[in-house]
Amino acid sequence: MKTTKIIPTFKNLEEERLFWETHDTLDYIDETKVKKVRFPNLKKTTKSISIRLPVDMIDELKVRANSMDVPYQSFIKMLLKEGLVSKH
């Protein structure tokens, strides 16, 4: 059985940062006490982009999205994802 080291008390964040840059966190974790956790409410990071589309295309996207009762921007994301997945 591996002996775990005790994490020292740090004076500030800088001191802690320097410590972890030169030490392995696995030396300070008791693996027998590790628990599996889930974070179901985490959202993927998103980034706004600007894309120019013909007005009639946007209108058609809005009509199709409305028929599915989803916001049109969500519908566009669905289409993009389907396109990416189908290429693999």
N, C-alpha and C. Protein backbone atom coordinates (compact mmCIF):
# COMPACT_ATOMS: atom_id res chain seq x y z
N MET A 1 0.83 -1.18 0.00
CA MET A 1 0.00 0.00 0.00
C MET A 1 0.88 1.25 0.00
N LYS A 2 0.54 2.17 -0.83
CA LYS A 2 1.32 3.41 -0.98
C LYS A 2 0.99 4.37 0.17
N THR A 3 2.00 5.00 0.71
CA THR A 3 1.81 6.01 1.75
C THR A 3 1.55 7.35 1.08
N THR A 4 0.49 8.02 1.52
CA THR A 4 0.20 9.34 0.95
C THR A 4 0.87 10.41 1.78
N LYS A 5 1.35 11.42 1.11
CA LYS A 5 2.00 12.54 1.78
C LYS A 5 0.94 13.55 2.22
N ILE A 6 1.28 14.37 3.17
CA ILE A 6 0.37 15.39 3.67
C ILE A 6 0.59 16.68 2.88
N ILE A 7 -0.51 17.27 2.43
CA ILE A 7 -0.43 18.53 1.69
C ILE A 7 -0.08 19.65 2.66
N PRO A 8 0.96 20.41 2.37
CA PRO A 8 1.34 21.49 3.28
C PRO A 8 0.33 22.65 3.25
N THR A 9 0.43 23.51 4.24
CA THR A 9 -0.38 24.72 4.26
C THR A 9 0.40 25.79 3.51
N PHE A 10 -0.30 26.50 2.64
CA PHE A 10 0.36 27.50 1.80
C PHE A 10 0.03 28.90 2.29
N LYS A 11 0.98 29.81 2.13
CA LYS A 11 0.77 31.20 2.54
C LYS A 11 -0.12 31.95 1.56
N ASN A 12 -0.03 31.57 0.28
CA ASN A 12 -0.80 32.26 -0.75
C ASN A 12 -0.92 31.36 -1.98
N LEU A 13 -1.68 31.81 -2.95
CA LEU A 13 -1.90 31.03 -4.17
C LEU A 13 -0.62 30.83 -4.98
N GLU A 14 0.22 31.81 -4.98
CA GLU A 14 1.48 31.71 -5.71
C GLU A 14 2.35 30.58 -5.14
N GLU A 15 2.43 30.51 -3.83
CA GLU A 15 3.21 29.46 -3.18
C GLU A 15 2.61 28.09 -3.51
N GLU A 16 1.29 28.01 -3.49
CA GLU A 16 0.63 26.74 -3.82
C GLU A 16 0.87 26.37 -5.28
N ARG A 17 0.77 27.33 -6.18
CA ARG A 17 1.01 27.07 -7.59
C ARG A 17 2.41 26.53 -7.83
N LEU A 18 3.40 27.17 -7.19
CA LEU A 18 4.79 26.71 -7.34
C LEU A 18 4.97 25.30 -6.79
N PHE A 19 4.31 25.01 -5.70
CA PHE A 19 4.40 23.67 -5.12
C PHE A 19 3.88 22.62 -6.09
N TRP A 20 2.69 22.84 -6.64
CA TRP A 20 2.07 21.83 -7.51
C TRP A 20 2.77 21.72 -8.86
N GLU A 21 3.51 22.74 -9.23
CA GLU A 21 4.29 22.65 -10.47
C GLU A 21 5.43 21.64 -10.34
N THR A 22 5.86 21.39 -9.12
CA THR A 22 7.02 20.51 -8.91
C THR A 22 6.68 19.24 -8.13
N HIS A 23 5.41 19.02 -7.83
CA HIS A 23 5.00 17.82 -7.09
C HIS A 23 3.86 17.11 -7.82
N ASP A 24 3.82 15.80 -7.68
CA ASP A 24 2.78 15.00 -8.31
C ASP A 24 1.59 14.86 -7.36
N THR A 25 0.40 15.24 -7.83
CA THR A 25 -0.79 15.16 -6.98
C THR A 25 -1.08 13.73 -6.54
N LEU A 26 -0.68 12.75 -7.33
CA LEU A 26 -0.94 11.36 -6.97
C LEU A 26 -0.23 10.94 -5.69
N ASP A 27 0.83 11.63 -5.34
CA ASP A 27 1.54 11.34 -4.08
C ASP A 27 0.73 11.81 -2.87
N TYR A 28 -0.28 12.61 -3.08
CA TYR A 28 -1.04 13.22 -1.99
C TYR A 28 -2.50 12.74 -1.95
N ILE A 29 -2.81 11.74 -2.75
CA ILE A 29 -4.18 11.22 -2.81
C ILE A 29 -4.21 9.79 -2.30
N ASP A 30 -5.12 9.52 -1.38
CA ASP A 30 -5.33 8.16 -0.91
C ASP A 30 -6.34 7.52 -1.86
N GLU A 31 -5.86 6.67 -2.74
CA GLU A 31 -6.70 6.09 -3.78
C GLU A 31 -7.84 5.25 -3.23
N THR A 32 -7.72 4.77 -2.00
CA THR A 32 -8.79 3.97 -1.41
C THR A 32 -9.99 4.83 -1.03
N LYS A 33 -9.81 6.14 -0.96
CA LYS A 33 -10.89 7.04 -0.58
C LYS A 33 -11.48 7.80 -1.77
N VAL A 34 -10.99 7.52 -2.95
CA VAL A 34 -11.47 8.20 -4.14
C VAL A 34 -12.87 7.71 -4.48
N LYS A 35 -13.76 8.65 -4.80
CA LYS A 35 -15.13 8.30 -5.17
C LYS A 35 -15.40 8.81 -6.59
N LYS A 36 -16.16 8.04 -7.33
CA LYS A 36 -16.55 8.44 -8.67
C LYS A 36 -17.70 9.44 -8.56
N VAL A 37 -17.60 10.54 -9.27
CA VAL A 37 -18.66 11.55 -9.26
C VAL A 37 -19.05 11.90 -10.68
N ARG A 38 -20.26 12.44 -10.82
CA ARG A 38 -20.74 12.90 -12.12
C ARG A 38 -21.14 14.36 -12.00
N PHE A 39 -20.97 15.09 -13.06
CA PHE A 39 -21.36 16.49 -13.12
C PHE A 39 -22.37 16.64 -14.26
N PRO A 40 -23.61 16.25 -14.03
CA PRO A 40 -24.58 16.22 -15.13
C PRO A 40 -24.99 17.59 -15.65
N ASN A 41 -24.77 18.64 -14.89
CA ASN A 41 -25.23 19.96 -15.31
C ASN A 41 -24.15 20.81 -15.97
N LEU A 42 -22.99 20.22 -16.22
CA LEU A 42 -21.93 20.98 -16.88
C LEU A 42 -22.30 21.22 -18.34
N LYS A 43 -22.07 22.41 -18.79
CA LYS A 43 -22.35 22.74 -20.17
C LYS A 43 -21.04 22.92 -20.91
N LYS A 44 -21.04 22.53 -22.16
CA LYS A 44 -19.84 22.73 -22.97
C LYS A 44 -19.62 24.22 -23.17
N THR A 45 -18.36 24.58 -23.22
CA THR A 45 -18.02 25.97 -23.49
C THR A 45 -18.42 26.30 -24.92
N THR A 46 -19.05 27.43 -25.10
CA THR A 46 -19.45 27.83 -26.44
C THR A 46 -18.74 29.12 -26.83
N LYS A 47 -18.69 29.34 -28.11
CA LYS A 47 -18.06 30.55 -28.63
C LYS A 47 -18.97 31.10 -29.71
N SER A 48 -19.25 32.38 -29.63
CA SER A 48 -20.08 33.01 -30.65
C SER A 48 -19.28 33.21 -31.93
N ILE A 49 -19.94 32.98 -33.05
CA ILE A 49 -19.32 33.24 -34.35
C ILE A 49 -20.30 34.07 -35.17
N SER A 50 -19.77 34.67 -36.19
CA SER A 50 -20.60 35.43 -37.10
C SER A 50 -20.50 34.76 -38.47
N ILE A 51 -21.65 34.47 -39.05
CA ILE A 51 -21.66 33.84 -40.37
C ILE A 51 -22.73 34.50 -41.22
N ARG A 52 -22.39 34.80 -42.43
CA ARG A 52 -23.34 35.46 -43.33
C ARG A 52 -24.06 34.39 -44.14
N LEU A 53 -25.39 34.43 -44.05
CA LEU A 53 -26.22 33.50 -44.80
C LEU A 53 -27.24 34.30 -45.61
N PRO A 54 -27.65 33.78 -46.75
CA PRO A 54 -28.69 34.46 -47.51
C PRO A 54 -29.98 34.55 -46.69
N VAL A 55 -30.70 35.65 -46.83
CA VAL A 55 -31.92 35.88 -46.05
C VAL A 55 -32.94 34.76 -46.27
N ASP A 56 -33.08 34.30 -47.52
CA ASP A 56 -34.05 33.24 -47.78
C ASP A 56 -33.66 31.93 -47.09
N MET A 57 -32.37 31.68 -46.92
CA MET A 57 -31.92 30.49 -46.20
C MET A 57 -32.27 30.60 -44.72
N ILE A 58 -32.05 31.78 -44.17
CA ILE A 58 -32.40 32.00 -42.75
C ILE A 58 -33.89 31.84 -42.56
N ASP A 59 -34.68 32.36 -43.48
CA ASP A 59 -36.13 32.22 -43.39
C ASP A 59 -36.54 30.75 -43.42
N GLU A 60 -35.93 29.99 -44.30
CA GLU A 60 -36.25 28.55 -44.39
C GLU A 60 -35.83 27.81 -43.12
N LEU A 61 -34.67 28.17 -42.59
CA LEU A 61 -34.23 27.57 -41.33
C LEU A 61 -35.21 27.87 -40.20
N LYS A 62 -35.69 29.10 -40.15
CA LYS A 62 -36.65 29.48 -39.11
C LYS A 62 -37.96 28.71 -39.26
N VAL A 63 -38.43 28.53 -40.49
CA VAL A 63 -39.68 27.79 -40.73
C VAL A 63 -39.52 26.34 -40.29
N ARG A 64 -38.43 25.71 -40.69
CA ARG A 64 -38.20 24.30 -40.32
C ARG A 64 -38.03 24.16 -38.82
N ALA A 65 -37.28 25.07 -38.21
CA ALA A 65 -37.08 25.02 -36.75
C ALA A 65 -38.41 25.19 -36.03
N ASN A 66 -39.23 26.11 -36.52
CA ASN A 66 -40.53 26.36 -35.91
C ASN A 66 -41.43 25.12 -35.99
N SER A 67 -41.35 24.41 -37.11
CA SER A 67 -42.16 23.20 -37.27
C SER A 67 -41.73 22.10 -36.29
N MET A 68 -40.49 22.18 -35.83
CA MET A 68 -39.98 21.22 -34.86
C MET A 68 -40.08 21.76 -33.43
N ASP A 69 -40.56 23.00 -33.32
CA ASP A 69 -40.71 23.67 -32.03
C ASP A 69 -39.37 23.82 -31.30
N VAL A 70 -38.34 24.20 -32.07
CA VAL A 70 -37.02 24.49 -31.49
C VAL A 70 -36.55 25.85 -31.98
N PRO A 71 -35.75 26.55 -31.20
CA PRO A 71 -35.19 27.83 -31.68
C PRO A 71 -34.33 27.59 -32.93
N TYR A 72 -34.37 28.53 -33.85
CA TYR A 72 -33.69 28.30 -35.11
C TYR A 72 -32.18 28.17 -34.96
N GLN A 73 -31.59 28.87 -33.99
CA GLN A 73 -30.14 28.73 -33.80
C GLN A 73 -29.80 27.34 -33.27
N SER A 74 -30.67 26.78 -32.42
CA SER A 74 -30.47 25.40 -31.96
C SER A 74 -30.61 24.43 -33.12
N PHE A 75 -31.56 24.72 -34.01
CA PHE A 75 -31.75 23.88 -35.18
C PHE A 75 -30.50 23.89 -36.07
N ILE A 76 -29.91 25.05 -36.25
CA ILE A 76 -28.68 25.16 -37.04
C ILE A 76 -27.57 24.32 -36.40
N LYS A 77 -27.46 24.38 -35.07
CA LYS A 77 -26.44 23.57 -34.38
C LYS A 77 -26.70 22.09 -34.59
N MET A 78 -27.97 21.69 -34.56
CA MET A 78 -28.32 20.29 -34.79
C MET A 78 -27.87 19.86 -36.19
N LEU A 79 -28.15 20.70 -37.19
CA LEU A 79 -27.76 20.37 -38.57
C LEU A 79 -26.24 20.27 -38.71
N LEU A 80 -25.52 21.19 -38.09
CA LEU A 80 -24.06 21.16 -38.16
C LEU A 80 -23.51 19.89 -37.51
N LYS A 81 -24.07 19.55 -36.36
CA LYS A 81 -23.60 18.35 -35.65
C LYS A 81 -23.88 17.11 -36.49
N GLU A 82 -25.08 17.01 -37.07
CA GLU A 82 -25.41 15.87 -37.93
C GLU A 82 -24.43 15.77 -39.10
N GLY A 83 -24.11 16.93 -39.69
CA GLY A 83 -23.16 16.94 -40.80
C GLY A 83 -21.79 16.47 -40.39
N LEU A 84 -21.35 16.84 -39.20
CA LEU A 84 -20.03 16.42 -38.73
C LEU A 84 -20.02 14.92 -38.41
N VAL A 85 -21.07 14.44 -37.79
CA VAL A 85 -21.14 13.04 -37.40
C VAL A 85 -21.23 12.14 -38.63
N SER A 86 -21.99 12.55 -39.63
CA SER A 86 -22.19 11.71 -40.82
C SER A 86 -20.92 11.60 -41.66
N LYS A 87 -19.96 12.47 -41.45
CA LYS A 87 -18.70 12.42 -42.21
C LYS A 87 -17.73 11.39 -41.65
N HIS A 88 -18.02 10.83 -40.47
CA HIS A 88 -17.10 9.87 -39.84
C HIS A 88 -17.60 8.47 -39.97
